[in-house]
Amino acid sequence: MFSVVLNIGLYGSVLQAGCHYLWSPRGILATELHRIRWMWVEPLFRDRVEAGRVLAERLKRATPERNLLVLALPRGGLPVGFEIAQAFQADLDVFLVRKLGVPGHEELAMGAIASGGVRVLNHSLIEELGISPIVVDRVTERERNEIAHRENAYREGRPLLPFAGRTVVLVDDGLATGR
């Protein structure tokens, strides 16, 4: 089995941000954005279609496996993933991920959930902030409902394609973080 993660930045702007500290009873815990500055850099690709085509060619050289399943993170990863799936004549499906934000500081992730029911928690952060299991479960349930709603919209009721025994290429466009 061979797995590949493609993560690209497409546009010429990069977000730089200053930070301030989030304090907890035991000291500095994390940072949050408070100042934003943009700078210009040369784009790697003209658009997502070109990015997908270029990445597919590179992937063909790097991947002997041809039994691919392309999972793309909506929305930006879908046009990139589509081009990769076309080049390999592979199946394409969406893979949804939702951040579990700390209540009152939603940009601070205490965990994440994904298609298929996967949940990953940052237990040390949850403990440090004193977030109760009830609150974690409430946030998880809200985001699970959002994933279910979006999966229904994207897949129109069909299940996630099977991936056992296949090479999975996970595609994201990287625009949220630029990385």
Protein backbone atom coordinates (compact mmCIF):
# COMPACT_ATOMS: atom_id res chain seq x y z
CA MET A 1 0.00 0.00 0.00
CA PHE A 2 1.30 3.46 -0.90
CA SER A 3 -0.24 6.70 0.36
CA VAL A 4 0.39 10.19 -0.93
CA VAL A 5 -0.74 13.55 0.39
CA LEU A 6 -0.72 16.49 -2.03
CA ASN A 7 -1.06 19.92 -0.52
CA ILE A 8 -0.62 23.00 -2.68
CA GLY A 9 -0.92 26.76 -2.49
CA LEU A 10 -2.33 28.36 -5.62
CA TYR A 11 -2.52 32.09 -5.28
CA GLY A 12 0.11 34.78 -4.98
CA SER A 13 -0.98 36.16 -1.64
CA VAL A 14 0.27 34.87 1.67
CA LEU A 15 -1.30 35.73 4.98
CA GLN A 16 1.06 36.75 7.76
CA ALA A 17 -0.40 37.28 11.18
CA GLY A 18 0.74 38.54 14.51
CA CYS A 19 -0.34 36.74 17.64
CA HIS A 20 -1.43 37.30 21.19
CA TYR A 21 -1.43 34.72 23.92
CA LEU A 22 -4.35 32.76 25.29
CA TRP A 23 -3.84 32.36 29.02
CA SER A 24 -4.94 29.41 31.06
CA PRO A 25 -4.68 28.86 34.82
CA ARG A 26 -1.34 27.14 34.23
CA GLY A 27 0.20 29.75 31.93
CA ILE A 28 0.46 30.45 28.22
CA LEU A 29 -1.46 27.88 26.24
CA ALA A 30 -1.79 28.94 22.63
CA THR A 31 -1.83 31.89 20.29
CA GLU A 32 -4.56 33.56 18.30
CA LEU A 33 -4.44 35.89 15.33
CA HIS A 34 -4.78 39.59 16.00
CA ARG A 35 -2.93 41.39 13.20
CA ILE A 36 -3.06 40.47 9.54
CA ARG A 37 -0.67 41.49 6.78
CA TRP A 38 -0.61 40.32 3.17
CA MET A 39 2.45 39.91 1.00
CA TRP A 40 2.77 38.92 -2.65
CA VAL A 41 4.57 35.77 -3.83
CA GLU A 42 4.61 34.14 -7.24
CA PRO A 43 1.78 31.62 -7.66
CA LEU A 44 2.80 28.01 -8.18
CA PHE A 45 -0.01 27.33 -10.64
CA ARG A 46 -2.35 29.38 -12.81
CA ASP A 47 -5.42 27.72 -11.28
CA ARG A 48 -6.57 24.49 -9.63
CA VAL A 49 -7.00 22.71 -12.97
CA GLU A 50 -3.38 23.35 -13.92
CA ALA A 51 -2.30 22.34 -10.42
CA GLY A 52 -4.14 19.03 -10.72
CA ARG A 53 -2.63 18.28 -14.12
CA VAL A 54 0.92 19.09 -13.02
CA LEU A 55 0.55 17.12 -9.81
CA ALA A 56 -0.92 14.14 -11.68
CA GLU A 57 2.14 14.02 -13.93
CA ARG A 58 4.46 14.14 -10.94
CA LEU A 59 2.41 11.52 -9.16
CA LYS A 60 2.58 9.19 -12.16
CA ARG A 61 6.39 9.27 -11.92
CA ALA A 62 6.34 8.68 -8.16
CA THR A 63 3.61 6.06 -7.88
CA PRO A 64 3.91 2.62 -9.45
CA GLU A 65 0.47 1.78 -8.04
CA ARG A 66 -2.44 2.27 -10.42
CA ASN A 67 -5.34 1.13 -8.22
CA LEU A 68 -5.93 4.65 -6.93
CA LEU A 69 -8.75 6.27 -5.05
CA VAL A 70 -8.54 10.05 -5.03
CA LEU A 71 -10.11 11.65 -1.96
CA ALA A 72 -10.46 15.41 -2.25
CA LEU A 73 -11.22 17.92 0.49
CA PRO A 74 -13.97 20.27 -0.62
CA ARG A 75 -14.09 22.75 -2.00
CA GLY A 76 -10.68 23.70 -3.35
CA GLY A 77 -9.31 20.17 -3.38
CA LEU A 78 -12.07 18.89 -5.68
CA PRO A 79 -10.93 20.50 -8.95
CA VAL A 80 -7.34 19.46 -8.21
CA GLY A 81 -8.44 15.94 -7.31
CA PHE A 82 -10.64 15.72 -10.40
CA GLU A 83 -7.64 16.28 -12.68
CA ILE A 84 -5.60 13.67 -10.81
CA ALA A 85 -8.46 11.15 -10.98
CA GLN A 86 -8.89 11.81 -14.73
CA ALA A 87 -5.19 11.29 -15.40
CA PHE A 88 -5.20 7.93 -13.60
CA GLN A 89 -8.73 6.92 -14.64
CA ALA A 90 -9.30 6.58 -10.90
CA ASP A 91 -12.32 6.91 -8.66
CA LEU A 92 -12.85 10.31 -7.06
CA ASP A 93 -14.69 10.97 -3.83
CA VAL A 94 -14.97 13.76 -1.28
CA PHE A 95 -13.39 13.48 2.15
CA LEU A 96 -14.74 15.89 4.70
CA VAL A 97 -12.87 17.14 7.75
CA ARG A 98 -14.19 19.53 10.40
CA LYS A 99 -12.29 21.23 13.15
CA LEU A 100 -13.59 20.89 16.69
CA GLY A 101 -13.15 24.44 17.91
CA VAL A 102 -12.82 25.46 21.54
CA PRO A 103 -16.06 27.24 22.54
CA GLY A 104 -15.42 30.97 22.59
CA HIS A 105 -12.16 30.47 20.66
CA GLU A 106 -13.45 28.48 17.68
CA GLU A 107 -10.25 28.98 15.65
CA LEU A 108 -8.34 27.06 18.34
CA ALA A 109 -8.74 23.37 17.53
CA MET A 110 -9.29 20.92 20.36
CA GLY A 111 -9.66 18.17 17.78
CA ALA A 112 -11.09 17.21 14.43
CA ILE A 113 -13.54 14.78 12.89
CA ALA A 114 -13.63 13.35 9.40
CA SER A 115 -15.68 11.27 7.00
CA GLY A 116 -16.13 7.75 8.26
CA GLY A 117 -16.58 8.81 11.89
CA VAL A 118 -12.92 9.41 12.74
CA ARG A 119 -12.39 11.73 15.71
CA VAL A 120 -9.01 12.93 16.96
CA LEU A 121 -8.78 14.97 20.16
CA ASN A 122 -6.02 17.09 21.66
CA HIS A 123 -6.43 15.70 25.17
CA SER A 124 -3.73 17.89 26.71
CA LEU A 125 -5.42 21.06 25.41
CA ILE A 126 -8.84 19.89 26.57
CA GLU A 127 -7.44 19.13 30.02
CA GLU A 128 -5.47 22.38 30.20
CA LEU A 129 -8.57 24.44 29.39
CA GLY A 130 -10.81 22.35 31.64
CA ILE A 131 -13.27 21.55 28.86
CA SER A 132 -15.80 19.01 30.05
CA PRO A 133 -16.56 15.81 28.12
CA ILE A 134 -20.13 17.09 27.71
CA VAL A 135 -18.86 20.20 25.89
CA VAL A 136 -16.50 18.13 23.71
CA ASP A 137 -19.38 15.81 22.82
CA ARG A 138 -21.71 18.75 22.06
CA VAL A 139 -19.16 20.35 19.70
CA THR A 140 -18.45 16.93 18.13
CA GLU A 141 -22.15 16.28 17.54
CA ARG A 142 -22.64 19.71 15.93
CA GLU A 143 -19.72 19.11 13.54
CA ARG A 144 -20.84 15.51 12.82
CA ASN A 145 -24.20 16.88 11.78
CA GLU A 146 -22.47 19.37 9.48
CA ILE A 147 -20.36 16.59 7.93
CA ALA A 148 -23.49 14.46 7.41
CA HIS A 149 -25.26 17.40 5.78
CA ARG A 150 -22.32 18.12 3.46
CA GLU A 151 -21.74 14.45 2.63
CA ASN A 152 -25.38 14.16 1.62
CA ALA A 153 -25.06 17.27 -0.55
CA TYR A 154 -21.86 16.09 -2.24
CA ARG A 155 -22.65 12.38 -2.54
CA GLU A 156 -26.43 12.57 -2.86
CA GLY A 157 -26.83 9.72 -0.36
CA ARG A 158 -24.24 7.27 -1.68
CA PRO A 159 -21.62 5.97 0.82
CA LEU A 160 -17.92 6.74 0.85
CA LEU A 161 -16.13 4.64 -1.77
CA PRO A 162 -14.29 1.61 -0.33
CA PHE A 163 -10.55 2.14 0.09
CA ALA A 164 -9.32 -1.14 1.64
CA GLY A 165 -6.41 -2.50 -0.41
CA ARG A 166 -6.17 0.64 -2.55
CA THR A 167 -3.69 3.46 -2.78
CA VAL A 168 -5.36 6.62 -1.54
CA VAL A 169 -4.34 10.06 -2.73
CA LEU A 170 -5.65 12.74 -0.37
CA VAL A 171 -5.88 16.13 -2.07
CA ASP A 172 -6.25 19.55 -0.46
CA ASP A 173 -5.51 22.89 -2.08
CA GLY A 174 -3.81 24.29 1.02
CA LEU A 175 -5.43 27.73 0.78
CA ALA A 176 -6.62 27.97 4.37
CA THR A 177 -3.08 27.95 5.73
CA GLY A 178 -1.03 28.48 2.58
CA ARG A 179 0.92 25.32 3.39
